[in-house]
Amino acid sequence: MTPPRIVSLVPSLTEMLCALGLREHLVGRTGFCIHPREVLRDVPKVGGTRDVDVGRVRALAPTHLVVNVDENERDAVEQLAAFVPHVMVTHPLVVQDNLELFERFGAEFAQVPGVRGAAAALSSRLRAALDRAQARRFEPLPVLYMIWKDPWMSVGSQTFIASMLAHAGLRSVIDVAQPRYPVLTLAQIADSGARAVLLSSEPYHFTQRHCEPLREALAGRSDAPVLHCATIDGEMASWYGSRAIDGLDYLAGYRERLGRALDRAAAHGGIR
């Protein structure tokens, strides 16, 4: 059987492929596929997640292409599908979808020694992480998770990120009827009912200074809620695959720290 030659256009799944023991079969990646850094340096880049160089991919003669519904452009994927025999389309929406993901990749690349066992091990670790999160029994805390600025964009309750947050007791306040990635005004953020606004480190690289526009939005409002503003590791909250295992533990710790910060903010009033 011909050894697989894999091009991955999804950063989190590139990391997962390495965790499954498939690094030697990875022949192409995007410039955003950076983990694990120490083993990806020599893997050729084929552009970005949304601006793939079709010619470069063709030259690599892959047998498999790994893509995601949210992260990659359909037109580009269709062009690549014309000459890549196996296109693996992914679209995890809840944390438990990773179990199917591990099983699917383990079966697809079962010819490579050790892959099935590695996939089973990831499944066991994820189940254990889910059990640990459930044992914490966090009270649901309403939050807004922001992924972009100009315009401000959040994540809906039907996204993978919202599912990850929910397992740590962080509930997205975006209504189910709204788009999966809604655009919000500062006034909508202020009136959202969230107790905290979480500024993700990716895809927009938020820092604490981005809280200032939120302070201005609430300035002069006597009924302004206590709205805490903090940064959050976007890779830990949004990357599915193997990263989601550590992500669940990270978010549980984050939820505890956020709770303490909210108590301090409430004592002082306003945004902190």
Protein backbone atom coordinates (compact mmCIF):
# COMPACT_ATOMS: atom_id res chain seq x y z
CA MET A 1 0.00 0.00 0.00
CA THR A 2 1.30 3.45 -0.93
CA PRO A 3 2.41 5.46 2.14
CA PRO A 4 0.18 8.51 2.73
CA ARG A 5 1.35 11.98 1.78
CA ILE A 6 -0.65 14.52 3.76
CA VAL A 7 -1.16 18.25 3.26
CA SER A 8 -2.95 19.90 6.19
CA LEU A 9 -4.64 23.29 5.85
CA VAL A 10 -5.84 23.32 9.48
CA PRO A 11 -3.38 24.36 12.23
CA SER A 12 -5.01 22.39 15.05
CA LEU A 13 -5.23 19.25 12.92
CA THR A 14 -1.62 19.57 11.83
CA GLU A 15 -0.75 19.37 15.52
CA MET A 16 -3.08 16.38 15.89
CA LEU A 17 -1.48 14.58 12.95
CA CYS A 18 1.86 14.88 14.72
CA ALA A 19 0.32 13.60 17.96
CA LEU A 20 -0.91 10.56 16.01
CA GLY A 21 2.63 9.81 14.82
CA LEU A 22 2.11 11.03 11.24
CA ARG A 23 4.77 13.75 11.08
CA GLU A 24 6.87 11.79 8.56
CA HIS A 25 3.85 11.61 6.26
CA LEU A 26 3.08 15.33 6.48
CA VAL A 27 4.38 16.89 3.25
CA GLY A 28 2.69 20.31 3.38
CA ARG A 29 1.15 22.79 5.83
CA THR A 30 -0.02 26.40 6.04
CA GLY A 31 2.05 29.18 7.54
CA PHE A 32 -0.32 29.14 10.51
CA CYS A 33 0.44 25.49 11.27
CA ILE A 34 3.09 26.21 13.89
CA HIS A 35 2.66 23.48 16.53
CA PRO A 36 4.63 21.47 17.41
CA ARG A 37 7.29 23.97 16.35
CA GLU A 38 10.29 21.70 16.81
CA VAL A 39 9.08 19.12 14.30
CA LEU A 40 7.38 21.30 11.65
CA ARG A 41 10.28 23.49 10.57
CA ASP A 42 11.14 21.30 7.59
CA VAL A 43 7.56 20.79 6.37
CA PRO A 44 6.93 22.96 3.26
CA LYS A 45 4.39 25.78 3.54
CA VAL A 46 1.62 26.07 0.96
CA GLY A 47 0.24 29.51 1.85
CA GLY A 48 -2.38 30.38 4.46
CA THR A 49 -5.63 28.78 5.54
CA ARG A 50 -7.60 31.00 3.15
CA ASP A 51 -5.03 31.75 0.45
CA VAL A 52 -3.64 28.36 -0.47
CA ASP A 53 -1.13 28.11 -3.30
CA VAL A 54 -2.76 25.42 -5.43
CA GLY A 55 0.37 24.99 -7.53
CA ARG A 56 2.53 24.26 -4.50
CA VAL A 57 0.08 21.67 -3.25
CA ARG A 58 -0.03 19.99 -6.66
CA ALA A 59 3.77 19.80 -6.75
CA LEU A 60 3.79 17.94 -3.42
CA ALA A 61 1.60 15.18 -4.90
CA PRO A 62 -0.43 14.55 -1.74
CA THR A 63 -2.66 11.54 -1.29
CA HIS A 64 -4.63 13.29 1.49
CA LEU A 65 -5.82 16.84 2.11
CA VAL A 66 -7.07 17.87 5.57
CA VAL A 67 -9.47 20.84 5.61
CA ASN A 68 -12.11 22.47 7.82
CA VAL A 69 -15.46 24.02 6.91
CA ASP A 70 -14.88 27.21 8.91
CA GLU A 71 -11.19 27.73 8.27
CA ASN A 72 -10.74 27.04 4.55
CA GLU A 73 -12.30 28.52 1.41
CA ARG A 74 -14.61 26.16 -0.44
CA ASP A 75 -13.45 27.26 -3.90
CA ALA A 76 -9.82 26.47 -3.08
CA VAL A 77 -10.73 23.10 -1.59
CA GLU A 78 -12.71 22.21 -4.71
CA GLN A 79 -9.71 23.08 -6.90
CA LEU A 80 -7.48 20.88 -4.76
CA ALA A 81 -10.01 18.04 -4.73
CA ALA A 82 -9.59 17.78 -8.50
CA PHE A 83 -6.17 16.16 -8.03
CA VAL A 84 -5.95 15.04 -4.37
CA PRO A 85 -7.45 11.53 -4.04
CA HIS A 86 -8.65 11.85 -0.44
CA VAL A 87 -10.05 15.10 0.99
CA MET A 88 -10.83 14.89 4.70
CA VAL A 89 -13.38 17.59 5.52
CA THR A 90 -13.82 18.34 9.22
CA HIS A 91 -16.35 20.45 11.13
CA PRO A 92 -16.37 19.73 14.88
CA LEU A 93 -19.05 21.71 16.71
CA VAL A 94 -18.86 20.29 20.23
CA VAL A 95 -15.97 18.97 22.30
CA GLN A 96 -17.19 15.37 22.04
CA ASP A 97 -16.83 15.56 18.23
CA ASN A 98 -13.11 15.13 18.82
CA LEU A 99 -13.74 11.50 19.73
CA GLU A 100 -15.10 10.86 16.24
CA LEU A 101 -12.21 12.86 14.82
CA PHE A 102 -9.61 10.70 16.57
CA GLU A 103 -11.37 7.50 15.47
CA ARG A 104 -11.72 8.69 11.88
CA PHE A 105 -8.07 9.67 11.49
CA GLY A 106 -6.94 6.53 13.27
CA ALA A 107 -8.89 4.41 10.80
CA GLU A 108 -7.87 6.42 7.72
CA PHE A 109 -4.17 6.05 8.48
CA ALA A 110 -4.29 2.65 10.15
CA GLN A 111 -1.62 1.36 7.75
CA VAL A 112 0.94 3.49 9.60
CA PRO A 113 2.18 1.56 12.65
CA GLY A 114 1.07 3.00 15.96
CA VAL A 115 -1.58 5.39 14.64
CA ARG A 116 -4.61 3.42 15.83
CA GLY A 117 -3.11 3.11 19.31
CA ALA A 118 -2.28 6.82 19.42
CA ALA A 119 -5.86 7.68 18.38
CA ALA A 120 -7.26 5.47 21.13
CA ALA A 121 -4.94 7.10 23.67
CA LEU A 122 -6.13 10.58 22.66
CA SER A 123 -9.74 9.47 23.07
CA SER A 124 -9.02 8.17 26.57
CA ARG A 125 -7.25 11.39 27.55
CA LEU A 126 -10.13 13.52 26.23
CA ARG A 127 -12.72 11.52 28.16
CA ALA A 128 -10.64 11.96 31.30
CA ALA A 129 -10.39 15.72 30.72
CA LEU A 130 -14.17 15.93 30.23
CA ASP A 131 -14.67 14.03 33.48
CA ARG A 132 -12.33 16.42 35.31
CA ALA A 133 -14.20 19.44 33.95
CA GLN A 134 -17.57 18.00 34.93
CA ALA A 135 -16.33 17.25 38.44
CA ARG A 136 -15.59 20.96 38.97
CA ARG A 137 -19.35 21.73 38.80
CA PHE A 138 -18.89 25.38 37.83
CA GLU A 139 -21.89 27.70 37.96
CA PRO A 140 -22.60 29.02 34.41
CA LEU A 141 -21.00 32.45 34.00
CA PRO A 142 -22.31 34.60 31.09
CA VAL A 143 -19.46 35.82 28.89
CA LEU A 144 -18.74 37.37 25.52
CA TYR A 145 -15.80 35.76 23.72
CA MET A 146 -14.38 38.22 21.18
CA ILE A 147 -12.41 37.09 18.13
CA TRP A 148 -12.12 40.31 16.08
CA LYS A 149 -12.10 44.10 16.26
CA ASP A 150 -13.21 46.64 13.63
CA PRO A 151 -15.77 45.23 13.52
CA TRP A 152 -16.12 43.61 16.92
CA MET A 153 -16.99 39.93 16.42
CA SER A 154 -17.98 37.24 18.90
CA VAL A 155 -18.85 33.53 18.76
CA GLY A 156 -22.32 32.02 18.87
CA SER A 157 -23.56 29.28 21.13
CA GLN A 158 -23.44 26.74 18.27
CA THR A 159 -19.66 26.90 17.81
CA PHE A 160 -16.84 24.67 19.00
CA ILE A 161 -15.46 27.53 21.08
CA ALA A 162 -18.77 27.95 22.91
CA SER A 163 -18.80 24.22 23.64
CA MET A 164 -15.29 24.35 25.08
CA LEU A 165 -16.21 27.35 27.24
CA ALA A 166 -19.41 25.70 28.45
CA HIS A 167 -17.50 22.71 29.85
CA ALA A 168 -15.70 25.17 32.12
CA GLY A 169 -18.85 26.99 33.17
CA LEU A 170 -18.41 29.89 30.73
CA ARG A 171 -21.67 30.48 28.85
CA SER A 172 -21.70 32.49 25.62
CA VAL A 173 -24.49 35.07 25.79
CA ILE A 174 -24.96 35.10 22.01
CA ASP A 175 -28.48 33.92 21.24
CA VAL A 176 -28.96 30.73 19.22
CA ALA A 177 -30.85 32.74 16.57
CA GLN A 178 -27.84 34.98 15.91
CA PRO A 179 -25.12 34.13 13.35
CA ARG A 180 -22.38 31.76 14.45
CA TYR A 181 -19.90 34.65 14.35
CA PRO A 182 -21.97 37.81 14.94
CA VAL A 183 -20.77 41.39 14.49
CA LEU A 184 -21.53 43.51 17.57
CA THR A 185 -21.57 47.21 18.34
CA LEU A 186 -20.03 48.49 21.55
CA ALA A 187 -23.54 49.26 22.80
CA GLN A 188 -24.59 45.64 22.17
CA ILE A 189 -21.55 44.44 24.09
CA ALA A 190 -22.47 46.69 27.00
CA ASP A 191 -26.08 45.46 26.99
CA SER A 192 -25.29 41.80 26.31
CA GLY A 193 -25.83 40.55 29.83
CA ALA A 194 -22.28 39.23 29.98
CA ARG A 195 -20.38 39.56 33.23
CA ALA A 196 -17.07 39.30 31.43
CA VAL A 197 -15.69 40.03 27.97
CA LEU A 198 -12.95 37.63 26.95
CA LEU A 199 -10.51 38.93 24.34
CA SER A 200 -8.96 36.05 22.43
CA SER A 201 -5.31 35.98 21.40
CA GLU A 202 -6.37 34.77 17.94
CA PRO A 203 -7.34 35.28 15.16
CA TYR A 204 -7.15 38.95 16.24
CA HIS A 205 -4.29 39.46 18.67
CA PHE A 206 -6.14 41.18 21.50
CA THR A 207 -4.30 42.69 24.46
CA GLN A 208 -5.53 44.31 27.65
CA ARG A 209 -5.42 47.76 26.03
CA HIS A 210 -8.42 46.81 23.88
CA CYS A 211 -10.60 47.10 26.99
CA GLU A 212 -10.51 50.89 26.67
CA PRO A 213 -13.26 51.10 23.99
CA LEU A 214 -15.48 49.10 26.34
CA ARG A 215 -14.82 51.55 29.15
CA GLU A 216 -15.86 54.38 26.83
CA ALA A 217 -19.05 52.54 25.84
CA LEU A 218 -20.17 52.39 29.45
CA ALA A 219 -18.99 55.85 30.44
CA GLY A 220 -21.75 57.98 31.91
CA ARG A 221 -24.31 55.16 32.21
CA SER A 222 -25.70 54.99 35.72
CA ASP A 223 -27.06 51.48 35.08
CA ALA A 224 -23.81 50.15 33.66
CA PRO A 225 -23.14 46.56 34.77
CA VAL A 226 -19.91 45.39 36.31
CA LEU A 227 -18.21 44.12 33.16
CA HIS A 228 -14.84 42.49 33.55
CA CYS A 229 -12.46 42.47 30.59
CA ALA A 230 -9.62 39.97 30.22
CA THR A 231 -7.48 38.26 27.60
CA ILE A 232 -7.67 34.52 26.97
CA ASP A 233 -5.47 32.00 25.13
CA GLY A 234 -7.29 31.47 21.83
CA GLU A 235 -5.41 28.29 20.97
CA MET A 236 -6.54 26.65 24.19
CA ALA A 237 -10.16 27.70 23.67
CA SER A 238 -10.58 27.16 19.92
CA TRP A 239 -8.19 24.44 18.73
CA TYR A 240 -9.86 21.06 18.35
CA GLY A 241 -8.02 17.78 18.02
CA SER A 242 -5.29 16.92 20.52
CA ARG A 243 -5.01 20.53 21.83
CA ALA A 244 -8.59 20.38 23.16
CA ILE A 245 -7.45 17.96 25.88
CA ASP A 246 -5.11 20.47 27.49
CA GLY A 247 -7.58 23.20 26.53
CA LEU A 248 -10.25 21.82 28.85
CA ASP A 249 -7.85 21.84 31.80
CA TYR A 250 -6.68 25.35 30.90
CA LEU A 251 -10.24 26.67 30.76
CA ALA A 252 -11.13 25.11 34.10
CA GLY A 253 -8.24 26.97 35.71
CA TYR A 254 -9.14 30.11 33.78
CA ARG A 255 -12.71 29.93 35.09
CA GLU A 256 -11.48 29.83 38.68
CA ARG A 257 -9.16 32.81 38.15
CA LEU A 258 -11.90 34.73 36.38
CA GLY A 259 -14.30 34.14 39.24
CA ARG A 260 -11.83 35.62 41.70
CA ALA A 261 -11.19 38.59 39.40
CA LEU A 262 -14.92 39.24 39.08
CA ASP A 263 -15.24 39.35 42.85
CA ARG A 264 -12.50 41.97 43.00
CA ALA A 265 -14.03 43.94 40.11
CA ALA A 266 -17.45 43.96 41.74
CA ALA A 267 -15.93 45.42 44.89
CA HIS A 268 -14.44 48.31 42.90
CA GLY A 269 -17.16 48.76 40.26
CA GLY A 270 -16.84 49.28 36.49
CA ILE A 271 -14.55 47.47 34.08
CA ARG A 272 -11.30 45.99 35.38
